[in-house]
């Protein structure tokens, strides 16, 4: 019979998974923003630029908070 993992380990694993997921989303948005900013230099404004910048801000704040705990 296997013993279940302690709740602390489950919570820690879930937290690390959330951090990893948010970091991947942030990296993906970074790539997208590079393209959007390159287009902006050429005079084309992406309709998603402002929304993606807000997402980056939100994700970075969340990651900073989670990693600091």
N, C-alpha and C. Protein backbone atom coordinates (compact mmCIF):
# COMPACT_ATOMS: atom_id res chain seq x y z
N UNK A 1 0.83 -1.17 0.00
CA UNK A 1 0.00 0.00 0.00
C UNK A 1 0.89 1.25 0.00
N UNK A 2 0.66 2.15 -0.97
CA UNK A 2 1.46 3.37 -1.04
C UNK A 2 0.86 4.46 -0.17
N UNK A 3 1.72 5.20 0.49
CA UNK A 3 1.25 6.32 1.29
C UNK A 3 1.02 7.52 0.38
N UNK A 4 -0.05 8.26 0.65
CA UNK A 4 -0.31 9.47 -0.12
C UNK A 4 0.70 10.54 0.25
N UNK A 5 0.98 11.42 -0.71
CA UNK A 5 1.92 12.51 -0.45
C UNK A 5 1.28 13.47 0.55
N UNK A 6 2.09 14.02 1.42
CA UNK A 6 1.55 14.99 2.38
C UNK A 6 0.95 16.19 1.65
N UNK A 7 -0.06 16.81 2.23
CA UNK A 7 -0.71 17.96 1.58
C UNK A 7 0.26 19.08 1.25
N UNK A 8 1.30 19.25 2.06
CA UNK A 8 2.28 20.31 1.81
C UNK A 8 2.99 20.08 0.47
N UNK A 9 3.31 18.80 0.19
CA UNK A 9 3.98 18.49 -1.07
C UNK A 9 3.04 18.69 -2.26
N UNK A 10 1.77 18.33 -2.09
CA UNK A 10 0.81 18.54 -3.16
C UNK A 10 0.63 20.03 -3.45
N UNK A 11 0.54 20.83 -2.41
CA UNK A 11 0.39 22.27 -2.58
C UNK A 11 1.63 22.86 -3.22
N UNK A 12 2.80 22.39 -2.81
CA UNK A 12 4.05 22.89 -3.38
C UNK A 12 4.15 22.52 -4.86
N UNK A 13 3.78 21.29 -5.19
CA UNK A 13 3.82 20.84 -6.57
C UNK A 13 2.85 21.65 -7.43
N UNK A 14 1.68 21.92 -6.91
CA UNK A 14 0.69 22.72 -7.65
C UNK A 14 1.20 24.14 -7.85
N UNK A 15 1.83 24.70 -6.83
CA UNK A 15 2.38 26.06 -6.92
C UNK A 15 3.49 26.11 -7.97
N UNK A 16 4.39 25.13 -7.94
CA UNK A 16 5.47 25.09 -8.93
C UNK A 16 4.94 24.90 -10.35
N UNK A 17 3.91 24.12 -10.50
CA UNK A 17 3.29 23.92 -11.82
C UNK A 17 2.67 25.23 -12.30
N UNK A 18 2.02 25.97 -11.41
CA UNK A 18 1.42 27.26 -11.79
C UNK A 18 2.51 28.26 -12.18
N UNK A 19 3.61 28.27 -11.44
CA UNK A 19 4.72 29.16 -11.76
C UNK A 19 5.29 28.82 -13.13
N UNK A 20 5.47 27.54 -13.38
CA UNK A 20 6.01 27.08 -14.67
C UNK A 20 5.06 27.48 -15.82
N UNK A 21 3.78 27.28 -15.61
CA UNK A 21 2.78 27.62 -16.63
C UNK A 21 2.79 29.12 -16.91
N UNK A 22 2.80 29.93 -15.86
CA UNK A 22 2.83 31.39 -16.04
C UNK A 22 4.11 31.84 -16.74
N UNK A 23 5.23 31.21 -16.41
CA UNK A 23 6.50 31.56 -17.04
C UNK A 23 6.48 31.23 -18.53
N UNK A 24 5.87 30.10 -18.88
CA UNK A 24 5.75 29.75 -20.29
C UNK A 24 4.86 30.73 -21.04
N UNK A 25 3.75 31.14 -20.42
CA UNK A 25 2.87 32.13 -21.05
C UNK A 25 3.59 33.46 -21.23
N UNK A 26 4.38 33.84 -20.22
CA UNK A 26 5.12 35.10 -20.29
C UNK A 26 6.15 35.04 -21.41
N UNK A 27 6.84 33.93 -21.56
CA UNK A 27 7.82 33.78 -22.63
C UNK A 27 7.15 33.84 -23.99
N UNK A 28 6.00 33.21 -24.12
CA UNK A 28 5.26 33.23 -25.37
C UNK A 28 4.81 34.64 -25.72
N UNK A 29 4.32 35.35 -24.72
CA UNK A 29 3.91 36.74 -24.95
C UNK A 29 5.11 37.61 -25.34
N UNK A 30 6.27 37.33 -24.77
CA UNK A 30 7.47 38.08 -25.11
C UNK A 30 7.83 37.95 -26.57
N UNK A 31 7.70 36.74 -27.10
CA UNK A 31 7.97 36.51 -28.52
C UNK A 31 6.96 37.27 -29.37
N UNK A 32 5.70 37.20 -28.98
CA UNK A 32 4.64 37.90 -29.71
C UNK A 32 4.86 39.41 -29.68
N UNK A 33 5.26 39.92 -28.52
CA UNK A 33 5.49 41.36 -28.39
C UNK A 33 6.65 41.83 -29.26
N UNK A 34 7.68 41.01 -29.40
CA UNK A 34 8.79 41.39 -30.27
C UNK A 34 8.30 41.62 -31.69
N UNK A 35 7.44 40.75 -32.16
CA UNK A 35 6.88 40.89 -33.50
C UNK A 35 6.00 42.14 -33.58
N UNK A 36 5.17 42.33 -32.58
CA UNK A 36 4.29 43.51 -32.57
C UNK A 36 5.08 44.81 -32.54
N UNK A 37 6.16 44.84 -31.77
CA UNK A 37 6.97 46.06 -31.68
C UNK A 37 7.75 46.30 -32.96
N UNK A 38 8.15 45.24 -33.63
CA UNK A 38 8.82 45.38 -34.93
C UNK A 38 7.84 45.98 -35.94
N UNK A 39 6.59 45.51 -35.92
CA UNK A 39 5.57 46.07 -36.80
C UNK A 39 5.29 47.53 -36.46
N UNK A 40 5.33 47.86 -35.17
CA UNK A 40 5.10 49.24 -34.74
C UNK A 40 6.17 50.17 -35.29
N UNK A 41 7.41 49.69 -35.35
CA UNK A 41 8.49 50.50 -35.92
C UNK A 41 8.24 50.78 -37.40
N UNK A 42 7.49 49.90 -38.05
CA UNK A 42 7.18 50.08 -39.46
C UNK A 42 5.87 50.85 -39.65
N UNK A 43 5.29 51.31 -38.55
CA UNK A 43 4.08 52.12 -38.63
C UNK A 43 2.79 51.34 -38.52
N UNK A 44 2.87 50.05 -38.21
CA UNK A 44 1.67 49.23 -38.08
C UNK A 44 1.43 48.92 -36.60
N UNK A 45 0.25 49.27 -36.11
CA UNK A 45 -0.09 49.02 -34.71
C UNK A 45 -0.94 47.77 -34.61
N UNK A 46 -0.43 46.77 -33.91
CA UNK A 46 -1.18 45.53 -33.71
C UNK A 46 -2.36 45.80 -32.78
N UNK A 47 -3.50 45.22 -33.12
CA UNK A 47 -4.69 45.45 -32.30
C UNK A 47 -4.56 44.83 -30.91
N UNK A 48 -3.69 43.83 -30.77
CA UNK A 48 -3.52 43.13 -29.49
C UNK A 48 -2.36 43.65 -28.64
N UNK A 49 -1.64 44.65 -29.13
CA UNK A 49 -0.45 45.10 -28.43
C UNK A 49 -0.75 45.57 -27.00
N UNK A 50 -1.73 46.42 -26.84
CA UNK A 50 -2.05 46.95 -25.51
C UNK A 50 -2.52 45.83 -24.59
N UNK A 51 -3.36 44.95 -25.10
CA UNK A 51 -3.86 43.83 -24.29
C UNK A 51 -2.72 42.90 -23.89
N UNK A 52 -1.82 42.61 -24.81
CA UNK A 52 -0.69 41.74 -24.49
C UNK A 52 0.27 42.38 -23.50
N UNK A 53 0.47 43.68 -23.59
CA UNK A 53 1.32 44.37 -22.62
C UNK A 53 0.71 44.29 -21.22
N UNK A 54 -0.60 44.40 -21.13
CA UNK A 54 -1.28 44.27 -19.83
C UNK A 54 -1.13 42.85 -19.29
N UNK A 55 -1.23 41.84 -20.19
CA UNK A 55 -1.06 40.46 -19.76
C UNK A 55 0.35 40.23 -19.22
N UNK A 56 1.35 40.80 -19.91
CA UNK A 56 2.73 40.67 -19.45
C UNK A 56 2.88 41.27 -18.06
N UNK A 57 2.30 42.43 -17.86
CA UNK A 57 2.37 43.09 -16.55
C UNK A 57 1.72 42.23 -15.47
N UNK A 58 0.54 41.71 -15.76
CA UNK A 58 -0.18 40.88 -14.79
C UNK A 58 0.59 39.61 -14.47
N UNK A 59 1.08 38.93 -15.51
CA UNK A 59 1.84 37.69 -15.29
C UNK A 59 3.12 37.94 -14.52
N UNK A 60 3.82 39.02 -14.86
CA UNK A 60 5.09 39.29 -14.18
C UNK A 60 4.85 39.62 -12.71
N UNK A 61 3.79 40.35 -12.41
CA UNK A 61 3.46 40.64 -11.01
C UNK A 61 3.13 39.35 -10.26
N UNK A 62 2.35 38.47 -10.90
CA UNK A 62 1.98 37.21 -10.26
C UNK A 62 3.21 36.34 -10.02
N UNK A 63 4.09 36.26 -11.02
CA UNK A 63 5.31 35.47 -10.86
C UNK A 63 6.21 36.03 -9.77
N UNK A 64 6.35 37.34 -9.75
CA UNK A 64 7.18 37.98 -8.74
C UNK A 64 6.65 37.66 -7.35
N UNK A 65 5.32 37.70 -7.19
CA UNK A 65 4.70 37.41 -5.91
C UNK A 65 4.90 35.93 -5.52
N UNK A 66 4.66 35.02 -6.46
CA UNK A 66 4.79 33.60 -6.18
C UNK A 66 6.23 33.19 -5.87
N UNK A 67 7.16 33.71 -6.62
CA UNK A 67 8.57 33.35 -6.41
C UNK A 67 9.07 33.94 -5.09
N UNK A 68 8.53 35.08 -4.71
CA UNK A 68 8.97 35.72 -3.48
C UNK A 68 8.44 35.07 -2.21
N UNK A 69 7.53 34.14 -2.35
CA UNK A 69 6.94 33.50 -1.16
C UNK A 69 7.81 32.41 -0.62
